[in-house]
N, C-alpha and C. Protein backbone atom coordinates (compact mmCIF):
# COMPACT_ATOMS: atom_id res chain seq x y z
N UNK A 1 69.29 80.86 71.31
CA UNK A 1 68.30 81.89 71.51
C UNK A 1 68.76 82.83 72.62
N UNK A 2 68.65 84.10 72.37
CA UNK A 2 69.00 85.11 73.36
C UNK A 2 67.75 85.86 73.79
N UNK A 3 67.84 86.48 74.97
CA UNK A 3 66.71 87.26 75.48
C UNK A 3 66.92 88.73 75.13
N UNK A 4 65.84 89.37 74.71
CA UNK A 4 65.87 90.77 74.32
C UNK A 4 64.67 91.49 74.92
N UNK A 5 64.80 92.79 74.97
CA UNK A 5 63.72 93.66 75.43
C UNK A 5 63.62 94.82 74.45
N UNK A 6 62.46 95.00 73.86
CA UNK A 6 62.23 96.09 72.92
C UNK A 6 61.27 97.08 73.56
N UNK A 7 61.66 98.34 73.57
CA UNK A 7 60.81 99.41 74.06
C UNK A 7 60.62 100.38 72.91
N UNK A 8 59.36 100.60 72.55
CA UNK A 8 59.12 101.56 71.47
C UNK A 8 57.98 102.49 71.85
N UNK A 9 58.05 103.68 71.28
CA UNK A 9 57.09 104.75 71.55
C UNK A 9 56.29 104.99 70.27
N UNK A 10 54.96 104.99 70.40
CA UNK A 10 54.12 105.22 69.24
C UNK A 10 53.37 106.55 69.39
N UNK A 11 52.80 107.00 68.31
CA UNK A 11 52.11 108.29 68.29
C UNK A 11 50.97 108.32 69.30
N UNK A 12 50.78 109.43 70.00
CA UNK A 12 49.75 109.51 71.04
C UNK A 12 48.32 109.54 70.51
N UNK A 13 48.10 109.89 69.26
CA UNK A 13 46.74 109.98 68.77
C UNK A 13 46.15 108.63 68.34
N UNK A 14 46.93 107.56 68.42
CA UNK A 14 46.42 106.24 68.07
C UNK A 14 45.42 105.76 69.13
N UNK A 15 44.38 105.08 68.68
CA UNK A 15 43.40 104.53 69.62
C UNK A 15 43.98 103.29 70.30
N UNK A 16 43.32 102.84 71.37
CA UNK A 16 43.79 101.65 72.07
C UNK A 16 43.78 100.43 71.15
N UNK A 17 42.81 100.35 70.27
CA UNK A 17 42.73 99.22 69.33
C UNK A 17 43.90 99.26 68.35
N UNK A 18 44.25 100.46 67.89
CA UNK A 18 45.39 100.59 66.97
C UNK A 18 46.70 100.22 67.65
N UNK A 19 46.85 100.63 68.91
CA UNK A 19 48.07 100.30 69.66
C UNK A 19 48.16 98.79 69.88
N UNK A 20 47.04 98.15 70.21
CA UNK A 20 47.02 96.70 70.40
C UNK A 20 47.34 95.98 69.09
N UNK A 21 46.83 96.49 67.99
CA UNK A 21 47.10 95.89 66.69
C UNK A 21 48.58 96.04 66.32
N UNK A 22 49.16 97.18 66.63
CA UNK A 22 50.58 97.41 66.35
C UNK A 22 51.46 96.49 67.20
N UNK A 23 51.12 96.32 68.47
CA UNK A 23 51.87 95.42 69.34
C UNK A 23 51.75 93.98 68.84
N UNK A 24 50.57 93.58 68.40
CA UNK A 24 50.38 92.23 67.86
C UNK A 24 51.17 92.03 66.57
N UNK A 25 51.26 93.08 65.77
CA UNK A 25 52.02 93.00 64.52
C UNK A 25 53.49 92.70 64.80
N UNK A 26 54.09 93.44 65.73
CA UNK A 26 55.51 93.23 66.01
C UNK A 26 55.75 91.93 66.78
N UNK A 27 54.76 91.49 67.53
CA UNK A 27 54.84 90.17 68.17
C UNK A 27 54.88 89.10 67.08
N UNK A 28 54.05 89.24 66.07
CA UNK A 28 54.05 88.32 64.95
C UNK A 28 55.34 88.32 64.16
N UNK A 29 55.96 89.49 64.04
CA UNK A 29 57.25 89.58 63.35
C UNK A 29 58.29 88.74 64.07
N UNK A 30 58.36 88.87 65.40
CA UNK A 30 59.32 88.10 66.18
C UNK A 30 59.06 86.61 66.03
N UNK A 31 57.80 86.21 66.09
CA UNK A 31 57.46 84.80 65.97
C UNK A 31 57.77 84.26 64.57
N UNK A 32 57.60 85.07 63.53
CA UNK A 32 57.95 84.64 62.17
C UNK A 32 59.45 84.48 61.98
N UNK A 33 60.23 85.18 62.79
CA UNK A 33 61.69 85.07 62.72
C UNK A 33 62.22 83.94 63.59
N UNK A 34 61.34 83.15 64.17
CA UNK A 34 61.76 82.00 64.96
C UNK A 34 61.88 82.27 66.44
N UNK A 35 61.34 83.37 66.92
CA UNK A 35 61.43 83.73 68.34
C UNK A 35 60.12 83.50 69.06
N UNK A 36 60.16 83.73 70.37
CA UNK A 36 58.96 83.65 71.19
C UNK A 36 58.86 84.91 72.03
N UNK A 37 57.66 85.43 72.16
CA UNK A 37 57.43 86.64 72.94
C UNK A 37 56.86 86.24 74.29
N UNK A 38 57.55 86.62 75.37
CA UNK A 38 57.08 86.27 76.70
C UNK A 38 56.15 87.34 77.28
N UNK A 39 56.34 88.59 76.84
CA UNK A 39 55.50 89.68 77.37
C UNK A 39 55.46 90.81 76.35
N UNK A 40 54.28 91.33 76.12
CA UNK A 40 54.10 92.51 75.28
C UNK A 40 53.00 93.33 75.94
N UNK A 41 53.39 94.41 76.59
CA UNK A 41 52.40 95.20 77.32
C UNK A 41 52.48 96.67 76.96
N UNK A 42 51.32 97.29 77.00
CA UNK A 42 51.21 98.72 76.72
C UNK A 42 51.31 99.48 78.04
N UNK A 43 52.18 100.45 78.06
CA UNK A 43 52.24 101.35 79.19
C UNK A 43 51.32 102.53 78.88
N UNK A 44 51.19 103.42 79.82
CA UNK A 44 50.32 104.58 79.61
C UNK A 44 50.95 105.58 78.66
N UNK A 45 50.13 106.55 78.28
CA UNK A 45 50.64 107.70 77.53
C UNK A 45 51.47 108.53 78.50
N UNK A 46 52.66 108.89 78.08
CA UNK A 46 53.55 109.66 78.95
C UNK A 46 54.13 110.85 78.21
N UNK A 47 54.46 111.85 78.98
CA UNK A 47 55.10 113.02 78.42
C UNK A 47 56.56 112.68 78.15
N UNK A 48 57.04 113.07 76.97
CA UNK A 48 58.42 112.80 76.60
C UNK A 48 59.35 113.83 77.24
N UNK A 49 60.58 113.45 77.48
CA UNK A 49 61.54 114.36 78.09
C UNK A 49 61.86 115.53 77.16
N UNK A 50 61.80 115.27 75.87
CA UNK A 50 62.01 116.32 74.88
C UNK A 50 61.18 115.98 73.65
N UNK A 51 60.95 116.95 72.82
CA UNK A 51 60.11 116.77 71.65
C UNK A 51 60.82 115.89 70.62
N UNK A 52 60.09 114.88 70.12
CA UNK A 52 60.62 113.98 69.11
C UNK A 52 59.67 114.01 67.92
N UNK A 53 60.17 114.41 66.77
CA UNK A 53 59.38 114.47 65.53
C UNK A 53 58.10 115.27 65.71
N UNK A 54 58.14 116.31 66.54
CA UNK A 54 56.98 117.16 66.76
C UNK A 54 56.02 116.66 67.82
N UNK A 55 56.33 115.56 68.48
CA UNK A 55 55.46 115.00 69.52
C UNK A 55 56.03 115.27 70.90
N UNK A 56 55.15 115.67 71.82
CA UNK A 56 55.55 115.91 73.20
C UNK A 56 55.09 114.79 74.12
N UNK A 57 54.22 113.89 73.61
CA UNK A 57 53.73 112.73 74.35
C UNK A 57 53.83 111.51 73.46
N UNK A 58 53.79 110.34 74.09
CA UNK A 58 53.81 109.10 73.33
C UNK A 58 53.30 107.95 74.17
N UNK A 59 52.89 106.89 73.50
CA UNK A 59 52.43 105.67 74.17
C UNK A 59 53.58 104.67 74.12
N UNK A 60 53.98 104.19 75.30
CA UNK A 60 55.11 103.27 75.41
C UNK A 60 54.61 101.82 75.33
N UNK A 61 55.36 100.98 74.61
CA UNK A 61 55.08 99.55 74.53
C UNK A 61 56.37 98.80 74.83
N UNK A 62 56.29 97.86 75.77
CA UNK A 62 57.43 97.04 76.16
C UNK A 62 57.18 95.61 75.71
N UNK A 63 58.18 95.03 75.01
CA UNK A 63 58.06 93.66 74.54
C UNK A 63 59.32 92.90 74.92
N UNK A 64 59.16 91.80 75.65
CA UNK A 64 60.28 90.93 76.01
C UNK A 64 60.17 89.67 75.16
N UNK A 65 61.30 89.27 74.55
CA UNK A 65 61.26 88.11 73.66
C UNK A 65 62.60 87.39 73.63
N UNK A 66 62.53 86.14 73.18
CA UNK A 66 63.71 85.32 72.91
C UNK A 66 63.74 85.09 71.42
N UNK A 67 64.93 85.24 70.83
CA UNK A 67 65.03 85.09 69.38
C UNK A 67 66.46 84.78 68.99
N UNK A 68 66.66 84.29 67.76
CA UNK A 68 68.02 84.10 67.26
C UNK A 68 68.74 85.45 67.15
N UNK A 69 70.07 85.45 67.13
CA UNK A 69 70.82 86.71 67.12
C UNK A 69 70.51 87.66 65.96
N UNK A 70 70.05 87.15 64.83
CA UNK A 70 69.78 88.01 63.68
C UNK A 70 68.42 88.70 63.76
N UNK A 71 67.54 88.24 64.61
CA UNK A 71 66.17 88.77 64.67
C UNK A 71 66.09 90.23 65.14
N UNK A 72 66.84 90.66 66.17
CA UNK A 72 66.70 92.06 66.60
C UNK A 72 67.03 93.08 65.52
N UNK A 73 67.95 92.76 64.64
CA UNK A 73 68.27 93.69 63.56
C UNK A 73 67.08 93.87 62.62
N UNK A 74 66.39 92.78 62.32
CA UNK A 74 65.22 92.86 61.44
C UNK A 74 64.06 93.58 62.14
N UNK A 75 63.85 93.29 63.42
CA UNK A 75 62.79 93.97 64.17
C UNK A 75 63.08 95.47 64.24
N UNK A 76 64.34 95.82 64.49
CA UNK A 76 64.74 97.22 64.54
C UNK A 76 64.51 97.91 63.20
N UNK A 77 64.82 97.23 62.12
CA UNK A 77 64.61 97.80 60.78
C UNK A 77 63.13 98.07 60.54
N UNK A 78 62.28 97.12 60.93
CA UNK A 78 60.84 97.30 60.73
C UNK A 78 60.27 98.38 61.63
N UNK A 79 60.77 98.49 62.86
CA UNK A 79 60.32 99.57 63.76
C UNK A 79 60.74 100.93 63.20
N UNK A 80 61.92 100.99 62.61
CA UNK A 80 62.44 102.25 62.08
C UNK A 80 61.61 102.77 60.92
N UNK A 81 61.09 101.86 60.08
CA UNK A 81 60.37 102.33 58.89
C UNK A 81 58.85 102.43 59.10
N UNK A 82 58.36 101.99 60.25
CA UNK A 82 56.92 102.08 60.52
C UNK A 82 56.55 103.53 60.84
N UNK A 83 55.50 104.03 60.22
CA UNK A 83 55.11 105.43 60.35
C UNK A 83 54.62 105.80 61.75
N UNK A 84 54.00 104.86 62.46
CA UNK A 84 53.42 105.17 63.76
C UNK A 84 54.41 105.10 64.92
N UNK A 85 55.61 104.59 64.69
CA UNK A 85 56.62 104.47 65.74
C UNK A 85 57.48 105.72 65.75
N UNK A 86 57.52 106.38 66.91
CA UNK A 86 58.30 107.61 67.05
C UNK A 86 59.77 107.29 67.35
N UNK A 87 59.98 106.38 68.28
CA UNK A 87 61.35 106.03 68.70
C UNK A 87 61.33 104.60 69.20
N UNK A 88 62.44 103.89 69.06
CA UNK A 88 62.53 102.53 69.56
C UNK A 88 63.95 102.23 70.04
N UNK A 89 64.04 101.20 70.86
CA UNK A 89 65.34 100.73 71.36
C UNK A 89 65.20 99.25 71.70
N UNK A 90 66.18 98.46 71.32
CA UNK A 90 66.19 97.03 71.65
C UNK A 90 67.41 96.75 72.49
N UNK A 91 67.18 96.12 73.64
CA UNK A 91 68.25 95.81 74.59
C UNK A 91 68.44 94.30 74.66
N UNK A 92 69.67 93.88 74.83
CA UNK A 92 69.97 92.47 75.07
C UNK A 92 69.98 92.25 76.58
N UNK A 93 69.26 91.23 77.05
CA UNK A 93 69.21 90.95 78.47
C UNK A 93 70.23 89.86 78.82
N UNK A 94 70.87 90.02 79.94
CA UNK A 94 71.81 89.00 80.40
C UNK A 94 71.07 87.99 81.23
N UNK A 95 71.55 86.75 81.22
CA UNK A 95 70.92 85.69 82.01
C UNK A 95 71.20 85.85 83.49
């Protein structure tokens, strides 16, 4: 099991309940792939450095998890095709 950190930006017009549901969805994806999520927290709405897909603001979500090496590729694929996710990045953490 390796440690990873996923940071993704979602559309600013989503309600707090929708953002919480989206974070829970991706937490469930990691757990279904055999991983464990140690932290999944919503950051505030922030102004983006540049416009992405027509959005100037976004809601940031940070998720730290441990998973098998194949899991981040699947999580990245699902983040890429989800309509409410503007941008995402998954980092590998060193011990």
